[in-house]
PDB file of N, CA and C in Angstrom:
ATOM      1  N   UNK A   1     -83.211  66.924 -76.508  1.00  0.00           N
ATOM      2  CA  UNK A   1     -83.056  67.677 -75.278  1.00  0.00           C
ATOM      3  C   UNK A   1     -82.634  66.763 -74.126  1.00  0.00           C
ATOM      4  N   UNK A   2     -83.174  65.534 -74.110  1.00  0.00           N
ATOM      5  CA  UNK A   2     -82.810  64.598 -73.060  1.00  0.00           C
ATOM      6  C   UNK A   2     -81.319  64.296 -73.075  1.00  0.00           C
ATOM      7  N   UNK A   3     -80.741  64.341 -74.269  1.00  0.00           N
ATOM      8  CA  UNK A   3     -79.327  64.011 -74.407  1.00  0.00           C
ATOM      9  C   UNK A   3     -78.443  65.004 -73.671  1.00  0.00           C
ATOM     10  N   UNK A   4     -78.914  66.220 -73.470  1.00  0.00           N
ATOM     11  CA  UNK A   4     -78.132  67.234 -72.786  1.00  0.00           C
ATOM     12  C   UNK A   4     -78.496  67.347 -71.313  1.00  0.00           C
ATOM     13  N   UNK A   5     -79.750  67.146 -70.991  1.00  0.00           N
ATOM     14  CA  UNK A   5     -80.216  67.340 -69.620  1.00  0.00           C
ATOM     15  C   UNK A   5     -79.717  66.224 -68.709  1.00  0.00           C
ATOM     16  N   UNK A   6     -79.795  64.989 -69.167  1.00  0.00           N
ATOM     17  CA  UNK A   6     -79.432  63.862 -68.320  1.00  0.00           C
ATOM     18  C   UNK A   6     -77.958  63.885 -67.895  1.00  0.00           C
ATOM     19  N   UNK A   7     -77.001  64.091 -68.805  1.00  0.00           N
ATOM     20  CA  UNK A   7     -75.597  64.164 -68.353  1.00  0.00           C
ATOM     21  C   UNK A   7     -75.316  65.352 -67.428  1.00  0.00           C
ATOM     22  N   UNK A   8     -75.975  66.473 -67.667  1.00  0.00           N
ATOM     23  CA  UNK A   8     -75.783  67.633 -66.798  1.00  0.00           C
ATOM     24  C   UNK A   8     -76.305  67.332 -65.401  1.00  0.00           C
ATOM     25  N   UNK A   9     -77.417  66.605 -65.317  1.00  0.00           N
ATOM     26  CA  UNK A   9     -77.957  66.219 -64.016  1.00  0.00           C
ATOM     27  C   UNK A   9     -77.001  65.288 -63.277  1.00  0.00           C
ATOM     28  N   UNK A  10     -76.436  64.329 -63.996  1.00  0.00           N
ATOM     29  CA  UNK A  10     -75.491  63.389 -63.378  1.00  0.00           C
ATOM     30  C   UNK A  10     -74.255  64.133 -62.863  1.00  0.00           C
ATOM     31  N   UNK A  11     -73.746  65.056 -63.664  1.00  0.00           N
ATOM     32  CA  UNK A  11     -72.568  65.829 -63.251  1.00  0.00           C
ATOM     33  C   UNK A  11     -72.889  66.685 -62.023  1.00  0.00           C
ATOM     34  N   UNK A  12     -74.065  67.303 -62.005  1.00  0.00           N
ATOM     35  CA  UNK A  12     -74.458  68.126 -60.859  1.00  0.00           C
ATOM     36  C   UNK A  12     -74.583  67.275 -59.600  1.00  0.00           C
ATOM     37  N   UNK A  13     -75.125  66.084 -59.746  1.00  0.00           N
ATOM     38  CA  UNK A  13     -75.269  65.190 -58.601  1.00  0.00           C
ATOM     39  C   UNK A  13     -73.903  64.743 -58.080  1.00  0.00           C
ATOM     40  N   UNK A  14     -72.989  64.429 -58.987  1.00  0.00           N
ATOM     41  CA  UNK A  14     -71.645  64.026 -58.578  1.00  0.00           C
ATOM     42  C   UNK A  14     -70.906  65.173 -57.892  1.00  0.00           C
ATOM     43  N   UNK A  15     -71.074  66.390 -58.401  1.00  0.00           N
ATOM     44  CA  UNK A  15     -70.441  67.557 -57.775  1.00  0.00           C
ATOM     45  C   UNK A  15     -70.996  67.770 -56.366  1.00  0.00           C
ATOM     46  N   UNK A  16     -72.305  67.606 -56.199  1.00  0.00           N
ATOM     47  CA  UNK A  16     -72.910  67.790 -54.874  1.00  0.00           C
ATOM     48  C   UNK A  16     -72.388  66.745 -53.893  1.00  0.00           C
ATOM     49  N   UNK A  17     -72.300  65.493 -54.323  1.00  0.00           N
ATOM     50  CA  UNK A  17     -71.784  64.448 -53.438  1.00  0.00           C
ATOM     51  C   UNK A  17     -70.304  64.656 -53.132  1.00  0.00           C
ATOM     52  N   UNK A  18     -69.529  65.046 -54.128  1.00  0.00           N
ATOM     53  CA  UNK A  18     -68.105  65.289 -53.910  1.00  0.00           C
ATOM     54  C   UNK A  18     -67.899  66.445 -52.932  1.00  0.00           C
ATOM     55  N   UNK A  19     -68.703  67.467 -53.071  1.00  0.00           N
ATOM     56  CA  UNK A  19     -68.564  68.636 -52.211  1.00  0.00           C
ATOM     57  C   UNK A  19     -68.911  68.289 -50.767  1.00  0.00           C
ATOM     58  N   UNK A  20     -69.876  67.398 -50.575  1.00  0.00           N
ATOM     59  CA  UNK A  20     -70.241  66.994 -49.221  1.00  0.00           C
ATOM     60  C   UNK A  20     -69.169  66.116 -48.572  1.00  0.00           C
ATOM     61  N   UNK A  21     -68.424  65.377 -49.381  1.00  0.00           N
ATOM     62  CA  UNK A  21     -67.419  64.478 -48.816  1.00  0.00           C
ATOM     63  C   UNK A  21     -66.091  65.186 -48.532  1.00  0.00           C
ATOM     64  N   UNK A  22     -65.903  66.386 -49.067  1.00  0.00           N
ATOM     65  CA  UNK A  22     -64.641  67.087 -48.835  1.00  0.00           C
ATOM     66  C   UNK A  22     -64.618  67.676 -47.419  1.00  0.00           C
ATOM     67  N   UNK A  23     -63.430  67.943 -46.937  1.00  0.00           N
ATOM     68  CA  UNK A  23     -63.299  68.480 -45.579  1.00  0.00           C
ATOM     69  C   UNK A  23     -63.701  69.955 -45.517  1.00  0.00           C
ATOM     70  N   UNK A  24     -63.438  70.693 -46.586  1.00  0.00           N
ATOM     71  CA  UNK A  24     -63.789  72.111 -46.636  1.00  0.00           C
ATOM     72  C   UNK A  24     -65.041  72.265 -47.493  1.00  0.00           C
ATOM     73  N   UNK A  25     -66.219  72.159 -46.863  1.00  0.00           N
ATOM     74  CA  UNK A  25     -67.489  72.178 -47.599  1.00  0.00           C
ATOM     75  C   UNK A  25     -67.869  73.605 -48.008  1.00  0.00           C
ATOM     76  N   UNK A  26     -68.321  73.737 -49.251  1.00  0.00           N
ATOM     77  CA  UNK A  26     -68.819  75.012 -49.737  1.00  0.00           C
ATOM     78  C   UNK A  26     -70.318  74.850 -49.994  1.00  0.00           C
ATOM     79  N   UNK A  27     -71.125  75.529 -49.206  1.00  0.00           N
ATOM     80  CA  UNK A  27     -72.571  75.373 -49.263  1.00  0.00           C
ATOM     81  C   UNK A  27     -73.131  75.889 -50.587  1.00  0.00           C
ATOM     82  N   UNK A  28     -72.555  76.935 -51.109  1.00  0.00           N
ATOM     83  CA  UNK A  28     -73.067  77.533 -52.338  1.00  0.00           C
ATOM     84  C   UNK A  28     -72.947  76.567 -53.524  1.00  0.00           C
ATOM     85  N   UNK A  29     -71.828  75.871 -53.615  1.00  0.00           N
ATOM     86  CA  UNK A  29     -71.661  74.904 -54.710  1.00  0.00           C
ATOM     87  C   UNK A  29     -72.677  73.779 -54.573  1.00  0.00           C
ATOM     88  N   UNK A  30     -72.895  73.314 -53.348  1.00  0.00           N
ATOM     89  CA  UNK A  30     -73.868  72.240 -53.115  1.00  0.00           C
ATOM     90  C   UNK A  30     -75.274  72.687 -53.484  1.00  0.00           C
ATOM     91  N   UNK A  31     -75.647  73.891 -53.101  1.00  0.00           N
ATOM     92  CA  UNK A  31     -76.988  74.401 -53.403  1.00  0.00           C
ATOM     93  C   UNK A  31     -77.179  74.569 -54.904  1.00  0.00           C
ATOM     94  N   UNK A  32     -76.180  75.081 -55.582  1.00  0.00           N
ATOM     95  CA  UNK A  32     -76.280  75.263 -57.037  1.00  0.00           C
ATOM     96  C   UNK A  32     -76.382  73.907 -57.737  1.00  0.00           C
ATOM     97  N   UNK A  33     -75.595  72.934 -57.288  1.00  0.00           N
ATOM     98  CA  UNK A  33     -75.645  71.604 -57.895  1.00  0.00           C
ATOM     99  C   UNK A  33     -77.007  70.951 -57.684  1.00  0.00           C
ATOM    100  N   UNK A  34     -77.578  71.092 -56.509  1.00  0.00           N
ATOM    101  CA  UNK A  34     -78.905  70.519 -56.242  1.00  0.00           C
ATOM    102  C   UNK A  34     -79.972  71.250 -57.053  1.00  0.00           C
ATOM    103  N   UNK A  35     -79.839  72.566 -57.200  1.00  0.00           N
ATOM    104  CA  UNK A  35     -80.808  73.322 -58.002  1.00  0.00           C
ATOM    105  C   UNK A  35     -80.752  72.898 -59.464  1.00  0.00           C
ATOM    106  N   UNK A  36     -79.554  72.680 -59.990  1.00  0.00           N
ATOM    107  CA  UNK A  36     -79.415  72.211 -61.380  1.00  0.00           C
ATOM    108  C   UNK A  36     -80.038  70.834 -61.526  1.00  0.00           C
ATOM    109  N   UNK A  37     -79.812  69.953 -60.546  1.00  0.00           N
ATOM    110  CA  UNK A  37     -80.398  68.622 -60.588  1.00  0.00           C
ATOM    111  C   UNK A  37     -81.924  68.686 -60.553  1.00  0.00           C
ATOM    112  N   UNK A  38     -82.484  69.508 -59.685  1.00  0.00           N
ATOM    113  CA  UNK A  38     -83.944  69.621 -59.587  1.00  0.00           C
ATOM    114  C   UNK A  38     -84.536  70.243 -60.855  1.00  0.00           C
ATOM    115  N   UNK A  39     -83.857  71.206 -61.443  1.00  0.00           N
ATOM    116  CA  UNK A  39     -84.320  71.790 -62.692  1.00  0.00           C
ATOM    117  C   UNK A  39     -84.344  70.734 -63.799  1.00  0.00           C
ATOM    118  N   UNK A  40     -83.304  69.900 -63.839  1.00  0.00           N
ATOM    119  CA  UNK A  40     -83.275  68.820 -64.820  1.00  0.00           C
ATOM    120  C   UNK A  40     -84.388  67.814 -64.605  1.00  0.00           C
ATOM    121  N   UNK A  41     -84.669  67.490 -63.352  1.00  0.00           N
ATOM    122  CA  UNK A  41     -85.769  66.567 -63.052  1.00  0.00           C
ATOM    123  C   UNK A  41     -87.103  67.171 -63.481  1.00  0.00           C
ATOM    124  N   UNK A  42     -87.249  68.467 -63.279  1.00  0.00           N
ATOM    125  CA  UNK A  42     -88.483  69.133 -63.684  1.00  0.00           C
ATOM    126  C   UNK A  42     -88.649  69.068 -65.199  1.00  0.00           C
ATOM    127  N   UNK A  43     -87.559  69.290 -65.935  1.00  0.00           N
ATOM    128  CA  UNK A  43     -87.613  69.245 -67.392  1.00  0.00           C
ATOM    129  C   UNK A  43     -87.943  67.840 -67.901  1.00  0.00           C
ATOM    130  N   UNK A  44     -87.356  66.827 -67.271  1.00  0.00           N
ATOM    131  CA  UNK A  44     -87.596  65.457 -67.716  1.00  0.00           C
ATOM    132  C   UNK A  44     -88.985  64.965 -67.341  1.00  0.00           C
ATOM    133  N   UNK A  45     -89.483  65.364 -66.184  1.00  0.00           N
ATOM    134  CA  UNK A  45     -90.791  64.885 -65.754  1.00  0.00           C
ATOM    135  C   UNK A  45     -91.939  65.681 -66.367  1.00  0.00           C
ATOM    136  N   UNK A  46     -91.655  66.780 -67.029  1.00  0.00           N
ATOM    137  CA  UNK A  46     -92.721  67.578 -67.643  1.00  0.00           C
ATOM    138  C   UNK A  46     -93.373  66.834 -68.802  1.00  0.00           C
ATOM    139  N   UNK A  47     -92.646  65.915 -69.410  1.00  0.00           N
ATOM    140  CA  UNK A  47     -93.195  65.180 -70.548  1.00  0.00           C
ATOM    141  C   UNK A  47     -93.921  63.912 -70.137  1.00  0.00           C
ATOM    142  N   UNK A  48     -93.889  63.560 -68.862  1.00  0.00           N
ATOM    143  CA  UNK A  48     -94.586  62.382 -68.371  1.00  0.00           C
ATOM    144  C   UNK A  48     -96.053  62.723 -68.171  1.00  0.00           C
ATOM    145  N   UNK A  49     -96.960  61.955 -68.746  1.00  0.00           N
ATOM    146  CA  UNK A  49     -98.385  62.263 -68.582  1.00  0.00           C
ATOM    147  C   UNK A  49     -98.846  62.010 -67.147  1.00  0.00           C
ATOM    148  N   UNK A  50     -99.829  62.757 -66.741  1.00  0.00           N
ATOM    149  CA  UNK A  50    -100.376  62.627 -65.402  1.00  0.00           C
ATOM    150  C   UNK A  50    -101.170  61.335 -65.272  1.00  0.00           C
ATOM    151  N   UNK A  51    -101.182  60.778 -64.065  1.00  0.00           N
ATOM    152  CA  UNK A  51    -101.943  59.564 -63.824  1.00  0.00           C
ATOM    153  C   UNK A  51    -103.445  59.860 -63.874  1.00  0.00           C
ATOM    154  N   UNK A  52    -103.830  61.079 -63.543  1.00  0.00           N
ATOM    155  CA  UNK A  52    -105.235  61.468 -63.509  1.00  0.00           C
ATOM    156  C   UNK A  52    -105.720  62.051 -64.828  1.00  0.00           C
ATOM    157  N   UNK A  53    -104.917  62.030 -65.854  1.00  0.00           N
ATOM    158  CA  UNK A  53    -105.288  62.641 -67.124  1.00  0.00           C
ATOM    159  C   UNK A  53    -106.486  61.922 -67.740  1.00  0.00           C
ATOM    160  N   UNK A  54    -106.550  60.614 -67.646  1.00  0.00           N
ATOM    161  CA  UNK A  54    -107.683  59.871 -68.196  1.00  0.00           C
ATOM    162  C   UNK A  54    -108.963  60.201 -67.456  1.00  0.00           C
ATOM    163  N   UNK A  55    -108.901  60.361 -66.153  1.00  0.00           N
ATOM    164  CA  UNK A  55    -110.086  60.681 -65.361  1.00  0.00           C
ATOM    165  C   UNK A  55    -110.607  62.068 -65.699  1.00  0.00           C
ATOM    166  N   UNK A  56    -109.715  63.012 -65.937  1.00  0.00           N
ATOM    167  CA  UNK A  56    -110.139  64.360 -66.262  1.00  0.00           C
ATOM    168  C   UNK A  56    -110.830  64.392 -67.626  1.00  0.00           C
ATOM    169  N   UNK A  57    -110.379  63.596 -68.563  1.00  0.00           N
ATOM    170  CA  UNK A  57    -110.986  63.556 -69.890  1.00  0.00           C
ATOM    171  C   UNK A  57    -112.361  62.906 -69.848  1.00  0.00           C
ATOM    172  N   UNK A  58    -112.574  61.940 -68.946  1.00  0.00           N
ATOM    173  CA  UNK A  58    -113.874  61.285 -68.835  1.00  0.00           C
ATOM    174  C   UNK A  58    -114.902  62.202 -68.200  1.00  0.00           C
ATOM    175  N   UNK A  59    -114.481  63.097 -67.319  1.00  0.00           N
ATOM    176  CA  UNK A  59    -115.403  64.007 -66.647  1.00  0.00           C
ATOM    177  C   UNK A  59    -115.960  65.051 -67.610  1.00  0.00           C
ATOM    178  N   UNK A  60    -115.297  65.338 -68.676  1.00  0.00           N
ATOM    179  CA  UNK A  60    -115.712  66.384 -69.605  1.00  0.00           C
ATOM    180  C   UNK A  60    -116.824  65.938 -70.459  1.00  0.00           C
TER     181      UNK A  60
END
């Protein structure tokens, strides 16, 4: 899954930066590109364990 999410995130980020540098800015394209990037970050960070996970297990 990482193999597909990471390149899509990079492409979305490049599209957002390119759209901001153009003279005729389209807000909708920028918002969609940022939303795709944030969705990808959410997918990638979902597998990272929490820093407080060890503390929660000790409390039980």
